[in-house]
N, C-alpha and C. Protein backbone atom coordinates (compact mmCIF):
# COMPACT_ATOMS: atom_id res chain seq x y z
N MET A 1 -9.44 -7.24 -12.07
CA MET A 1 -8.97 -6.78 -11.22
C MET A 1 -8.39 -5.44 -11.42
N ARG A 2 -8.48 -5.16 -13.00
CA ARG A 2 -8.37 -3.78 -13.12
C ARG A 2 -9.01 -2.26 -12.68
N LYS A 3 -10.49 -3.25 -12.73
CA LYS A 3 -11.61 -1.91 -12.34
C LYS A 3 -11.05 -2.29 -10.45
N PHE A 4 -10.89 -3.04 -9.88
CA PHE A 4 -10.52 -3.08 -8.16
C PHE A 4 -9.68 -2.40 -8.43
N LEU A 5 -8.45 -2.33 -8.93
CA LEU A 5 -7.18 -1.98 -8.31
C LEU A 5 -7.53 0.23 -8.87
N MET A 6 -8.42 0.15 -9.44
CA MET A 6 -9.05 1.57 -9.80
C MET A 6 -9.69 2.06 -9.04
N ALA A 7 -10.29 1.04 -8.41
CA ALA A 7 -11.65 1.30 -7.20
C ALA A 7 -10.80 1.81 -6.70
N ALA A 8 -9.78 0.72 -6.23
CA ALA A 8 -9.05 0.85 -4.88
C ALA A 8 -8.64 2.52 -4.64
N ILE A 9 -7.62 2.79 -5.91
CA ILE A 9 -6.87 4.56 -6.20
C ILE A 9 -7.98 5.21 -5.90
N ALA A 10 -9.11 5.21 -6.18
CA ALA A 10 -10.36 6.15 -6.30
C ALA A 10 -10.35 6.19 -4.63
N VAL A 11 -10.52 4.79 -3.56
CA VAL A 11 -11.00 4.88 -2.76
C VAL A 11 -9.36 5.82 -1.77
N PHE A 12 -8.47 5.38 -2.19
CA PHE A 12 -7.92 6.25 -1.34
C PHE A 12 -7.43 7.25 -1.61
N MET A 13 -8.28 8.24 -3.22
CA MET A 13 -8.06 9.81 -2.94
C MET A 13 -9.46 10.01 -1.68
N LEU A 14 -9.83 9.61 -1.65
CA LEU A 14 -11.33 9.87 -1.49
C LEU A 14 -11.37 9.92 0.00
N SER A 15 -10.38 9.63 1.11
CA SER A 15 -10.16 9.35 1.98
C SER A 15 -8.81 9.16 2.74
N GLY A 16 -5.63 -12.45 2.84
CA GLY A 16 -5.23 -12.89 2.24
C GLY A 16 -3.93 -13.92 1.59
N THR A 17 -4.19 -14.26 1.20
CA THR A 17 -3.13 -15.79 1.00
C THR A 17 -2.65 -15.21 -0.80
N ALA A 18 -1.43 -14.99 -0.81
CA ALA A 18 -1.18 -14.28 -2.09
C ALA A 18 -0.68 -15.46 -2.94
N VAL A 19 -0.81 -15.32 -4.21
CA VAL A 19 -0.10 -16.68 -5.49
C VAL A 19 1.01 -16.77 -5.07
N ALA A 20 2.13 -15.12 -5.24
CA ALA A 20 3.41 -15.54 -4.84
C ALA A 20 3.49 -14.90 -3.36
N THR A 21 4.47 -16.07 -2.94
CA THR A 21 4.15 -15.81 -1.58
C THR A 21 5.45 -14.39 -0.99
N GLU A 22 5.66 -14.04 -0.12
CA GLU A 22 6.70 -12.94 0.38
C GLU A 22 7.42 -13.55 1.20
N ASN A 23 8.78 -13.05 0.88
CA ASN A 23 10.00 -13.35 1.81
C ASN A 23 10.36 -12.31 2.84
N VAL A 24 10.55 -12.87 4.19
CA VAL A 24 10.57 -12.12 5.24
C VAL A 24 12.21 -12.24 5.66
N VAL A 25 12.98 -10.75 5.81
CA VAL A 25 14.15 -11.05 6.00
C VAL A 25 14.43 -10.11 7.25
N VAL A 26 15.41 -10.84 8.25
CA VAL A 26 15.80 -9.84 9.36
C VAL A 26 17.32 -9.50 9.37
N VAL A 27 17.27 -8.11 9.67
CA VAL A 27 18.47 -7.10 9.19
C VAL A 27 18.20 -6.40 10.87
N ASN A 28 19.83 -6.65 11.58
CA ASN A 28 19.55 -5.49 12.77
C ASN A 28 18.67 -5.78 13.50
N ASN A 29 17.68 -7.06 13.84
CA ASN A 29 16.42 -7.01 14.60
C ASN A 29 15.46 -6.24 13.29
N ASN A 30 15.33 -5.65 12.28
CA ASN A 30 14.19 -5.45 11.75
C ASN A 30 13.73 -6.17 10.68
N VAL A 31 12.71 -6.40 10.61
CA VAL A 31 11.75 -7.34 10.21
C VAL A 31 11.60 -6.48 8.64
N THR A 32 11.72 -7.23 7.12
CA THR A 32 11.48 -6.38 6.24
C THR A 32 10.79 -7.89 4.95
N THR A 33 9.70 -6.94 4.80
CA THR A 33 9.44 -8.14 3.72
C THR A 33 9.96 -7.60 2.17
N VAL A 34 10.20 -8.32 1.94
CA VAL A 34 10.65 -8.82 -0.06
C VAL A 34 9.74 -8.71 -0.88
N GLN A 35 9.44 -7.70 -1.71
CA GLN A 35 8.55 -7.97 -3.24
C GLN A 35 8.49 -9.19 -3.86
N SER A 36 7.11 -9.89 -4.08
CA SER A 36 7.75 -11.15 -4.49
C SER A 36 7.14 -10.74 -5.70
N GLY A 37 7.18 -11.30 -7.40
CA GLY A 37 7.12 -11.30 -8.15
C GLY A 37 6.10 -10.63 -9.09
N ASN A 38 4.59 -10.37 -8.48
CA ASN A 38 3.68 -10.05 -9.54
C ASN A 38 3.40 -8.36 -9.05
N ALA A 39 2.44 -8.09 -9.60
CA ALA A 39 2.42 -6.40 -9.74
C ALA A 39 1.64 -5.87 -8.77
N ILE A 40 0.12 -6.66 -7.93
CA ILE A 40 -0.81 -6.61 -7.15
C ILE A 40 0.82 -6.82 -5.91
N ASP A 41 1.32 -8.18 -5.55
CA ASP A 41 2.28 -8.02 -4.26
C ASP A 41 2.86 -6.76 -4.41
N LYS A 42 3.53 -6.27 -5.38
CA LYS A 42 4.00 -5.00 -5.02
C LYS A 42 3.84 -3.63 -4.94
N LEU A 43 2.33 -3.55 -5.35
CA LEU A 43 1.13 -2.62 -4.84
C LEU A 43 1.45 -2.61 -3.34
N ILE A 44 0.89 -3.76 -3.11
CA ILE A 44 0.74 -4.31 -1.47
C ILE A 44 2.21 -3.67 -0.43
N SER A 45 3.30 -4.25 -0.87
CA SER A 45 4.18 -4.13 -0.29
C SER A 45 4.79 -2.31 -0.76
N MET A 46 4.90 -1.68 -1.59
CA MET A 46 4.67 0.03 -1.70
C MET A 46 4.17 1.09 -0.67
N ILE A 47 2.52 0.10 -0.35
CA ILE A 47 1.56 0.80 0.37
C ILE A 47 2.32 0.34 2.07
N ASN A 48 2.89 -0.63 2.21
CA ASN A 48 3.51 -1.05 3.04
C ASN A 48 4.62 -0.22 3.57
N GLY A 49 5.37 0.12 2.72
CA GLY A 49 6.88 0.70 2.64
C GLY A 49 6.30 2.19 2.67
N TYR A 50 5.10 3.14 2.59
CA TYR A 50 4.48 3.90 3.13
C TYR A 50 4.50 4.42 4.41
N THR A 51 3.39 3.40 4.67
CA THR A 51 3.02 3.37 6.36
C THR A 51 4.14 3.28 7.04
N LYS A 52 4.98 2.56 6.86
CA LYS A 52 6.32 2.62 7.55
C LYS A 52 6.91 4.52 7.32
N LYS A 53 6.89 4.68 6.66
CA LYS A 53 7.50 6.11 6.12
C LYS A 53 6.45 7.22 6.88
N VAL A 54 5.48 7.19 7.00
CA VAL A 54 4.30 7.84 7.79
C VAL A 54 4.54 7.89 9.26
N ASN A 55 4.89 6.45 9.85
CA ASN A 55 5.05 6.22 11.31
C ASN A 55 6.79 6.92 11.40
N ALA A 56 7.22 7.28 10.83
CA ALA A 56 8.65 7.77 11.08
C ALA A 56 8.70 9.19 10.89
N VAL A 57 8.11 10.23 10.14
CA VAL A 57 7.53 11.59 10.09
C VAL A 57 7.52 12.17 11.32
N LYS A 58 8.36 13.22 11.56
CA LYS A 58 8.88 14.55 12.68
C LYS A 58 7.75 15.76 12.43
N THR A 59 7.56 16.07 10.71
CA THR A 59 6.41 17.36 10.93
C THR A 59 5.39 16.64 10.09
N ILE A 60 4.65 17.83 9.81
CA ILE A 60 2.86 17.85 9.25
C ILE A 60 4.15 17.97 7.77
N ASP A 61 4.72 18.63 7.48
CA ASP A 61 5.47 18.74 5.89
C ASP A 61 5.67 17.63 5.85
N GLU A 62 6.80 16.81 6.30
CA GLU A 62 7.13 15.76 5.81
C GLU A 62 5.80 14.49 5.50
N LEU A 63 4.88 14.69 6.73
CA LEU A 63 3.85 13.98 6.39
C LEU A 63 3.12 14.10 5.04
N MET A 64 3.03 15.17 4.51
CA MET A 64 2.26 15.82 3.41
C MET A 64 3.13 15.20 2.21
N LYS A 65 4.53 14.88 2.41
CA LYS A 65 5.02 15.02 1.21
C LYS A 65 5.14 13.36 1.11
N VAL A 66 4.86 12.84 2.36
CA VAL A 66 5.01 10.90 1.93
C VAL A 66 3.99 10.42 1.40
N ALA A 67 2.68 11.17 1.88
CA ALA A 67 1.30 10.86 1.55
C ALA A 67 1.32 11.11 0.05
N GLU A 68 1.83 12.43 -0.41
CA GLU A 68 1.66 12.93 -1.36
C GLU A 68 2.59 11.78 -2.23
N LYS A 69 3.48 11.18 -2.09
CA LYS A 69 4.41 10.46 -3.12
C LYS A 69 3.65 9.34 -3.15
N CYS A 70 2.68 8.98 -2.33
CA CYS A 70 2.45 7.51 -2.38
C CYS A 70 1.17 7.72 -2.97
N PHE A 71 0.12 9.01 -3.38
CA PHE A 71 -0.38 9.04 -3.72
C PHE A 71 0.31 8.94 -5.29
N GLU A 72 0.61 9.51 -5.27
CA GLU A 72 1.29 9.90 -7.08
C GLU A 72 1.65 8.25 -7.71
N GLU A 73 2.19 8.12 -6.85
CA GLU A 73 3.16 5.96 -7.20
C GLU A 73 1.75 5.43 -7.53
N MET A 74 0.77 5.69 -6.34
CA MET A 74 -0.62 4.96 -6.67
C MET A 74 -0.81 5.50 -8.35
N MET A 75 -1.22 6.55 -8.74
CA MET A 75 -1.85 6.59 -9.91
C MET A 75 -1.30 6.44 -10.73
N SER A 76 0.27 5.89 -11.26
CA SER A 76 0.68 5.65 -11.99
C SER A 76 1.12 3.89 -12.13
N PHE A 77 0.91 3.74 -11.02
CA PHE A 77 1.04 2.15 -11.06
C PHE A 77 0.06 1.48 -11.84
N GLU A 78 -1.11 1.65 -11.82
CA GLU A 78 -2.00 0.69 -12.77
C GLU A 78 -1.70 1.11 -14.19
N GLU A 79 -0.64 2.33 -14.47
CA GLU A 79 -0.69 2.49 -16.12
C GLU A 79 0.77 1.09 -16.48
N LYS A 80 1.96 1.16 -15.44
CA LYS A 80 3.04 0.84 -15.60
C LYS A 80 2.87 -0.68 -15.42
N TYR A 81 1.39 -1.30 -14.43
CA TYR A 81 1.88 -2.09 -14.57
C TYR A 81 0.76 -3.05 -15.39
N ALA A 82 0.01 -2.53 -16.42
CA ALA A 82 -1.26 -2.66 -17.17
C ALA A 82 -1.21 -4.07 -17.35
N ASP A 83 -0.36 -4.73 -17.95
CA ASP A 83 -0.03 -5.82 -19.00
C ASP A 83 0.12 -6.81 -17.67
N GLU A 84 0.53 -6.76 -16.90
CA GLU A 84 0.66 -7.88 -15.97
C GLU A 84 -0.24 -8.45 -14.97
N ILE A 85 -1.15 -6.73 -14.89
CA ILE A 85 -2.36 -7.05 -14.06
C ILE A 85 -3.41 -7.68 -14.89
N ALA A 86 -3.09 -7.60 -16.36
CA ALA A 86 -4.33 -8.19 -17.26
C ALA A 86 -3.91 -9.77 -17.38
N ARG A 87 -2.84 -9.84 -17.20
CA ARG A 87 -2.33 -11.33 -17.49
C ARG A 87 -2.42 -12.19 -15.76
N LEU A 88 -2.32 -11.36 -14.88
CA LEU A 88 -3.20 -12.41 -13.66
C LEU A 88 -4.39 -12.05 -13.72
N GLU A 89 -5.32 -11.27 -13.82
CA GLU A 89 -6.62 -11.31 -14.13
C GLU A 89 -7.30 -12.67 -14.94
N ASP A 90 -6.36 -13.30 -15.94
CA ASP A 90 -6.83 -14.19 -16.62
C ASP A 90 -6.34 -15.54 -15.56
N THR A 91 -5.44 -15.73 -14.94
CA THR A 91 -4.73 -16.70 -14.23
C THR A 91 -5.39 -17.04 -13.01
N LEU A 92 -5.94 -15.84 -12.39
CA LEU A 92 -6.27 -16.07 -10.82
C LEU A 92 -7.81 -16.74 -10.96
N THR A 93 -7.51 -17.30 -9.94
CA THR A 93 -9.15 -17.97 -9.08
C THR A 93 -9.73 -17.08 -8.85
N GLU A 94 -11.20 -16.77 -8.47
CA GLU A 94 -12.21 -15.92 -8.19
C GLU A 94 -11.54 -16.06 -6.18
N ALA A 95 -11.33 -17.21 -5.95
CA ALA A 95 -10.94 -16.96 -4.57
C ALA A 95 -9.41 -16.47 -4.25
N GLN A 96 -8.51 -16.71 -5.24
CA GLN A 96 -7.33 -15.98 -4.88
C GLN A 96 -7.70 -14.62 -5.18
N MET A 97 -8.69 -13.99 -5.99
CA MET A 97 -8.40 -12.86 -6.54
C MET A 97 -9.32 -12.01 -5.20
N GLU A 98 -10.58 -12.26 -4.28
CA GLU A 98 -10.68 -12.55 -3.15
C GLU A 98 -9.45 -11.88 -2.11
N ARG A 99 -8.75 -12.45 -2.14
CA ARG A 99 -7.32 -13.34 -0.82
C ARG A 99 -6.64 -11.82 -1.30
N TYR A 100 -6.81 -11.36 -2.58
CA TYR A 100 -5.63 -10.67 -2.84
C TYR A 100 -6.56 -8.99 -2.82
N GLU A 101 -7.48 -9.35 -2.97
CA GLU A 101 -8.52 -7.57 -2.87
C GLU A 101 -8.25 -7.25 -1.26
N ALA A 102 -8.44 -8.62 -0.43
CA ALA A 102 -9.17 -8.52 1.43
C ALA A 102 -7.24 -8.12 1.54
N LYS A 103 -6.25 -8.06 1.18
CA LYS A 103 -5.07 -8.32 1.29
C LYS A 103 -4.61 -6.69 0.93
N LEU A 104 -4.94 -6.26 -0.13
CA LEU A 104 -4.95 -4.54 -0.90
C LEU A 104 -5.34 -3.58 0.03
N GLU A 105 -7.34 -4.15 0.28
CA GLU A 105 -7.77 -2.96 1.38
C GLU A 105 -6.83 -3.20 2.42
N LYS A 106 -6.50 -4.72 2.97
CA LYS A 106 -6.00 -3.82 4.88
C LYS A 106 -4.62 -3.02 4.81
N ALA A 107 -4.05 -3.30 3.57
CA ALA A 107 -2.65 -2.50 3.63
C ALA A 107 -3.31 -1.31 3.44
N MET A 108 -3.95 -0.92 2.45
CA MET A 108 -4.77 0.63 2.30
C MET A 108 -5.05 1.31 3.51
N GLU A 109 -5.95 0.30 4.52
CA GLU A 109 -6.70 0.78 5.72
C GLU A 109 -5.03 0.86 6.52
N ALA A 110 -4.40 -0.16 6.46
CA ALA A 110 -3.60 0.04 7.59
C ALA A 110 -2.75 2.07 7.54
N PHE A 111 -2.59 2.43 5.93
CA PHE A 111 -1.76 3.40 5.65
C PHE A 111 -3.20 4.88 5.90
N GLU A 112 -4.20 4.38 5.92
CA GLU A 112 -4.89 5.26 6.04
C GLU A 112 -4.95 5.66 6.89
N ALA A 113 -4.93 4.50 8.20
CA ALA A 113 -4.86 4.79 9.78
C ALA A 113 -3.38 5.15 10.38
N ALA A 114 -2.64 5.01 9.62
CA ALA A 114 -0.83 5.87 10.47
C ALA A 114 -1.48 6.92 10.08
N VAL A 115 -1.75 7.52 8.50
CA VAL A 115 -2.33 8.95 8.43
C VAL A 115 -2.73 9.73 9.51
N GLU A 116 -3.48 9.37 9.65
CA GLU A 116 -4.94 9.87 10.43
C GLU A 116 -4.36 9.96 11.65
N LYS A 117 -3.43 8.65 12.57
CA LYS A 117 -2.91 8.63 13.64
C LYS A 117 -1.77 9.35 13.88
N LYS A 118 -1.00 9.83 12.94
CA LYS A 118 -0.10 11.06 12.91
C LYS A 118 0.44 12.10 13.23
N THR A 119 -1.12 11.91 12.11
CA THR A 119 -2.04 13.85 12.02
C THR A 119 -2.17 14.22 13.63
N GLU A 120 -2.99 13.35 13.95
CA GLU A 120 -2.99 13.67 15.35
C GLU A 120 -2.09 13.90 16.59
N GLN A 121 -1.04 13.01 16.07
CA GLN A 121 -0.15 13.15 17.31
C GLN A 121 0.54 14.48 16.76
N LEU A 122 1.08 14.79 15.45
CA LEU A 122 1.73 15.83 15.48
C LEU A 122 0.87 17.33 15.35
N MET A 123 -0.66 17.07 15.04
CA MET A 123 -1.62 18.72 15.63
C MET A 123 -1.28 18.74 17.35
N ASP A 124 -1.02 17.68 18.03
CA ASP A 124 -1.11 17.36 19.63
C ASP A 124 0.25 18.09 19.82
N SER A 125 0.68 17.97 19.22
CA SER A 125 2.43 18.54 19.76
C SER A 125 2.95 19.76 19.91
N TYR A 126 2.49 20.18 18.07
CA TYR A 126 1.97 21.54 17.93
C TYR A 126 1.14 22.15 19.14
N ASN A 127 -0.18 21.96 19.42
CA ASN A 127 -0.62 22.72 20.73
C ASN A 127 0.29 22.96 21.79
N PHE A 128 0.99 21.94 22.26
CA PHE A 128 1.42 22.08 23.33
C PHE A 128 2.50 23.37 22.66
């Protein structure tokens, strides 16, 4: 799992069903996903949160700051949760690992797509 997380971070720089389930909370008609307890779910939740932030930015400068902050948090994530990731690695089945990997990849792809789409929108608005 550690190798996958590091590879995921490397992929991010270049360009499932979970064991613990997510809880959904609705406040003022806004659906919010609450982090479950393990490190992988926390990483996925963090990426999803940054995807929402990307969608809300109004300028290229804001977009760059959000993307940079997400990158910084991903870089420090492995160090912060290294022990927990190692414990998870020992307890998850191969099928569970595959589901987590797919879920993490989906979150990263959504973030990258949001950054790309927002960049295009902002650039188009500057061209007018």
